[in-house]
Amino acid sequence: MLPPFRRRGIASAMMDLAEQYEGTRSRIAGIGVGLYADYGPAHLMYLRRGYRPDGRGVTYRGETVPPGGAVRVDDDLALMMTKRLT
């Protein structure tokens, strides 16, 4: 959304803090990421940070989309990813 501000480490710094906080509560961190092209840089960042799809498929407004289900491709469509924290 704001290409001039990408690749400056801002999101990584925010993720470091979020994971640090999450690590005090759980050994696994989770995140949902949108599924259209604008989210491509976020997908790559999460993969670089060790996040992987959680194996439950995509969700729409927090509900798993069943096979053959029809949903809108908007900000509510997400792939859920998790990472084991050390």
N, C-alpha and C. Protein backbone atom coordinates (compact mmCIF):
# COMPACT_ATOMS: atom_id res chain seq x y z
N MET A 1 0.81 -1.19 0.00
CA MET A 1 0.00 0.00 0.00
C MET A 1 0.85 1.26 0.00
N LEU A 2 1.95 1.22 0.70
CA LEU A 2 2.81 2.40 0.78
C LEU A 2 4.22 2.03 0.31
N PRO A 3 4.38 1.73 -0.97
CA PRO A 3 5.68 1.27 -1.48
C PRO A 3 6.88 2.11 -1.08
N PRO A 4 6.77 3.46 -0.98
CA PRO A 4 7.97 4.23 -0.59
C PRO A 4 8.50 3.87 0.80
N PHE A 5 7.67 3.26 1.64
CA PHE A 5 8.09 2.94 3.00
C PHE A 5 8.51 1.49 3.17
N ARG A 6 8.49 0.72 2.08
CA ARG A 6 8.89 -0.69 2.15
C ARG A 6 10.40 -0.81 2.22
N ARG A 7 10.83 -1.98 2.75
CA ARG A 7 12.24 -2.34 2.81
C ARG A 7 13.06 -1.40 3.71
N ARG A 8 12.40 -0.87 4.72
CA ARG A 8 13.11 -0.02 5.69
C ARG A 8 13.20 -0.68 7.06
N GLY A 9 12.64 -1.89 7.18
CA GLY A 9 12.72 -2.61 8.45
C GLY A 9 11.62 -2.28 9.44
N ILE A 10 10.67 -1.46 9.04
CA ILE A 10 9.61 -1.04 9.97
C ILE A 10 8.73 -2.24 10.35
N ALA A 11 8.26 -2.97 9.36
CA ALA A 11 7.39 -4.13 9.64
C ALA A 11 8.15 -5.20 10.41
N SER A 12 9.42 -5.41 10.06
CA SER A 12 10.21 -6.41 10.78
C SER A 12 10.39 -6.02 12.24
N ALA A 13 10.62 -4.75 12.50
CA ALA A 13 10.75 -4.30 13.89
C ALA A 13 9.45 -4.50 14.65
N MET A 14 8.33 -4.21 13.99
CA MET A 14 7.03 -4.42 14.63
C MET A 14 6.79 -5.90 14.88
N MET A 15 7.17 -6.74 13.93
CA MET A 15 7.01 -8.19 14.10
C MET A 15 7.90 -8.70 15.22
N ASP A 16 9.12 -8.18 15.33
CA ASP A 16 10.00 -8.58 16.44
C ASP A 16 9.33 -8.32 17.78
N LEU A 17 8.75 -7.13 17.94
CA LEU A 17 8.06 -6.80 19.20
C LEU A 17 6.84 -7.68 19.43
N ALA A 18 6.06 -7.90 18.37
CA ALA A 18 4.86 -8.73 18.50
C ALA A 18 5.23 -10.16 18.88
N GLU A 19 6.25 -10.71 18.25
CA GLU A 19 6.68 -12.08 18.56
C GLU A 19 7.27 -12.16 19.97
N GLN A 20 7.97 -11.13 20.37
CA GLN A 20 8.53 -11.10 21.73
C GLN A 20 7.39 -11.14 22.75
N TYR A 21 6.37 -10.34 22.53
CA TYR A 21 5.22 -10.33 23.42
C TYR A 21 4.49 -11.67 23.37
N GLU A 22 4.24 -12.16 22.16
CA GLU A 22 3.53 -13.43 22.01
C GLU A 22 4.29 -14.56 22.69
N GLY A 23 5.61 -14.50 22.65
CA GLY A 23 6.43 -15.53 23.27
C GLY A 23 6.27 -15.62 24.77
N THR A 24 5.76 -14.57 25.40
CA THR A 24 5.50 -14.63 26.84
C THR A 24 4.19 -15.34 27.14
N ARG A 25 3.39 -15.58 26.11
CA ARG A 25 2.07 -16.18 26.30
C ARG A 25 1.90 -17.53 25.62
N SER A 26 2.72 -17.79 24.58
CA SER A 26 2.54 -19.00 23.79
C SER A 26 3.86 -19.37 23.12
N ARG A 27 3.98 -20.62 22.73
CA ARG A 27 5.17 -21.05 22.00
C ARG A 27 4.95 -20.97 20.49
N ILE A 28 3.74 -20.62 20.08
CA ILE A 28 3.41 -20.52 18.65
C ILE A 28 2.75 -19.18 18.38
N ALA A 29 3.23 -18.50 17.36
CA ALA A 29 2.63 -17.23 16.92
C ALA A 29 1.83 -17.52 15.65
N GLY A 30 0.74 -16.81 15.48
CA GLY A 30 -0.08 -16.98 14.28
C GLY A 30 -0.44 -15.64 13.68
N ILE A 31 -0.66 -15.66 12.37
CA ILE A 31 -1.02 -14.44 11.65
C ILE A 31 -1.85 -14.82 10.44
N GLY A 32 -2.75 -13.93 10.05
CA GLY A 32 -3.51 -14.12 8.82
C GLY A 32 -3.06 -13.09 7.80
N VAL A 33 -2.88 -13.50 6.57
CA VAL A 33 -2.42 -12.59 5.53
C VAL A 33 -3.37 -12.66 4.34
N GLY A 34 -3.68 -11.49 3.81
CA GLY A 34 -4.59 -11.39 2.67
C GLY A 34 -4.07 -12.12 1.45
N LEU A 35 -4.97 -12.38 0.50
CA LEU A 35 -4.62 -13.25 -0.62
C LEU A 35 -4.63 -12.59 -1.99
N TYR A 36 -4.61 -11.28 -2.05
CA TYR A 36 -4.47 -10.69 -3.38
C TYR A 36 -3.10 -10.05 -3.50
N ALA A 37 -2.76 -9.62 -4.70
CA ALA A 37 -1.39 -9.22 -5.04
C ALA A 37 -0.81 -8.16 -4.11
N ASP A 38 -1.61 -7.26 -3.58
CA ASP A 38 -1.07 -6.22 -2.70
C ASP A 38 -0.39 -6.80 -1.46
N TYR A 39 -0.75 -8.02 -1.10
CA TYR A 39 -0.17 -8.65 0.08
C TYR A 39 1.10 -9.45 -0.24
N GLY A 40 1.53 -9.47 -1.49
CA GLY A 40 2.71 -10.23 -1.88
C GLY A 40 3.93 -9.94 -1.03
N PRO A 41 4.29 -8.67 -0.83
CA PRO A 41 5.46 -8.38 0.01
C PRO A 41 5.30 -8.91 1.44
N ALA A 42 4.10 -8.86 1.98
CA ALA A 42 3.87 -9.39 3.34
C ALA A 42 4.06 -10.91 3.35
N HIS A 43 3.53 -11.60 2.34
CA HIS A 43 3.72 -13.06 2.25
C HIS A 43 5.21 -13.39 2.31
N LEU A 44 6.00 -12.69 1.51
CA LEU A 44 7.43 -12.96 1.45
C LEU A 44 8.11 -12.68 2.79
N MET A 45 7.72 -11.60 3.45
CA MET A 45 8.32 -11.28 4.75
C MET A 45 7.99 -12.38 5.77
N TYR A 46 6.73 -12.81 5.81
CA TYR A 46 6.34 -13.83 6.78
C TYR A 46 7.07 -15.14 6.50
N LEU A 47 7.21 -15.51 5.24
CA LEU A 47 7.96 -16.73 4.91
C LEU A 47 9.41 -16.61 5.34
N ARG A 48 10.03 -15.46 5.09
CA ARG A 48 11.42 -15.24 5.52
C ARG A 48 11.56 -15.33 7.03
N ARG A 49 10.52 -14.95 7.74
CA ARG A 49 10.56 -14.98 9.20
C ARG A 49 10.23 -16.36 9.76
N GLY A 50 9.92 -17.31 8.90
CA GLY A 50 9.66 -18.68 9.37
C GLY A 50 8.20 -19.06 9.50
N TYR A 51 7.28 -18.19 9.09
CA TYR A 51 5.86 -18.54 9.15
C TYR A 51 5.53 -19.48 8.00
N ARG A 52 4.64 -20.44 8.28
CA ARG A 52 4.19 -21.40 7.28
C ARG A 52 2.68 -21.53 7.38
N PRO A 53 2.01 -21.84 6.27
CA PRO A 53 0.56 -22.05 6.35
C PRO A 53 0.24 -23.09 7.42
N ASP A 54 -0.85 -22.87 8.14
CA ASP A 54 -1.18 -23.77 9.25
C ASP A 54 -1.88 -25.05 8.81
N GLY A 55 -2.13 -25.20 7.52
CA GLY A 55 -2.71 -26.45 7.01
C GLY A 55 -4.22 -26.50 7.01
N ARG A 56 -4.86 -25.44 7.43
CA ARG A 56 -6.33 -25.44 7.47
C ARG A 56 -6.96 -24.72 6.30
N GLY A 57 -6.15 -24.29 5.34
CA GLY A 57 -6.70 -23.61 4.17
C GLY A 57 -6.94 -22.14 4.42
N VAL A 58 -7.79 -21.55 3.61
CA VAL A 58 -8.06 -20.12 3.73
C VAL A 58 -9.31 -19.87 4.56
N THR A 59 -9.37 -18.66 5.10
CA THR A 59 -10.54 -18.28 5.88
C THR A 59 -11.16 -17.02 5.29
N TYR A 60 -12.43 -16.86 5.54
CA TYR A 60 -13.11 -15.62 5.17
C TYR A 60 -13.87 -15.16 6.41
N ARG A 61 -13.52 -13.97 6.87
CA ARG A 61 -14.07 -13.42 8.11
C ARG A 61 -13.95 -14.40 9.28
N GLY A 62 -12.80 -15.06 9.33
CA GLY A 62 -12.50 -15.95 10.43
C GLY A 62 -13.03 -17.36 10.30
N GLU A 63 -13.78 -17.65 9.26
CA GLU A 63 -14.36 -18.98 9.06
C GLU A 63 -13.63 -19.69 7.92
N THR A 64 -13.31 -20.98 8.12
CA THR A 64 -12.65 -21.74 7.07
C THR A 64 -13.55 -21.84 5.84
N VAL A 65 -12.97 -21.60 4.68
CA VAL A 65 -13.73 -21.68 3.42
C VAL A 65 -13.75 -23.15 2.99
N PRO A 66 -14.93 -23.74 2.82
CA PRO A 66 -15.02 -25.15 2.44
C PRO A 66 -14.65 -25.34 0.96
N PRO A 67 -14.26 -26.55 0.58
CA PRO A 67 -13.99 -26.82 -0.84
C PRO A 67 -15.19 -26.43 -1.70
N GLY A 68 -14.93 -25.71 -2.77
CA GLY A 68 -16.01 -25.27 -3.66
C GLY A 68 -16.74 -24.03 -3.18
N GLY A 69 -16.36 -23.53 -2.01
CA GLY A 69 -17.03 -22.35 -1.45
C GLY A 69 -16.72 -21.11 -2.27
N ALA A 70 -17.68 -20.23 -2.35
CA ALA A 70 -17.51 -18.97 -3.08
C ALA A 70 -17.41 -17.84 -2.07
N VAL A 71 -16.32 -17.09 -2.15
CA VAL A 71 -16.11 -15.95 -1.27
C VAL A 71 -15.61 -14.77 -2.08
N ARG A 72 -15.71 -13.62 -1.51
CA ARG A 72 -15.18 -12.41 -2.11
C ARG A 72 -13.69 -12.31 -1.86
N VAL A 73 -12.94 -11.90 -2.83
CA VAL A 73 -11.51 -11.68 -2.63
C VAL A 73 -11.34 -10.23 -2.17
N ASP A 74 -11.28 -10.07 -0.86
CA ASP A 74 -11.11 -8.76 -0.25
C ASP A 74 -10.24 -8.92 0.99
N ASP A 75 -10.18 -7.91 1.82
CA ASP A 75 -9.31 -7.96 3.00
C ASP A 75 -9.73 -8.99 4.03
N ASP A 76 -10.92 -9.55 3.92
CA ASP A 76 -11.38 -10.56 4.87
C ASP A 76 -10.99 -11.98 4.47
N LEU A 77 -10.45 -12.16 3.27
CA LEU A 77 -9.98 -13.47 2.82
C LEU A 77 -8.52 -13.59 3.21
N ALA A 78 -8.19 -14.63 3.97
CA ALA A 78 -6.82 -14.73 4.50
C ALA A 78 -6.33 -16.17 4.55
N LEU A 79 -5.02 -16.29 4.46
CA LEU A 79 -4.33 -17.54 4.69
C LEU A 79 -3.73 -17.43 6.08
N MET A 80 -4.03 -18.39 6.92
CA MET A 80 -3.52 -18.36 8.29
C MET A 80 -2.17 -19.05 8.32
N MET A 81 -1.22 -18.42 9.01
CA MET A 81 0.15 -18.94 9.09
C MET A 81 0.60 -18.98 10.54
N THR A 82 1.48 -19.92 10.87
CA THR A 82 2.00 -20.02 12.22
C THR A 82 3.52 -20.18 12.20
N LYS A 83 4.10 -19.92 13.36
CA LYS A 83 5.54 -20.04 13.52
C LYS A 83 5.81 -20.48 14.96
N ARG A 84 6.69 -21.45 15.12
CA ARG A 84 7.10 -21.84 16.47
C ARG A 84 8.11 -20.82 16.97
N LEU A 85 7.86 -20.30 18.15
CA LEU A 85 8.75 -19.31 18.75
C LEU A 85 9.81 -20.02 19.60
N THR A 86 10.99 -19.47 19.64
CA THR A 86 12.07 -20.10 20.42
C THR A 86 12.32 -19.34 21.70
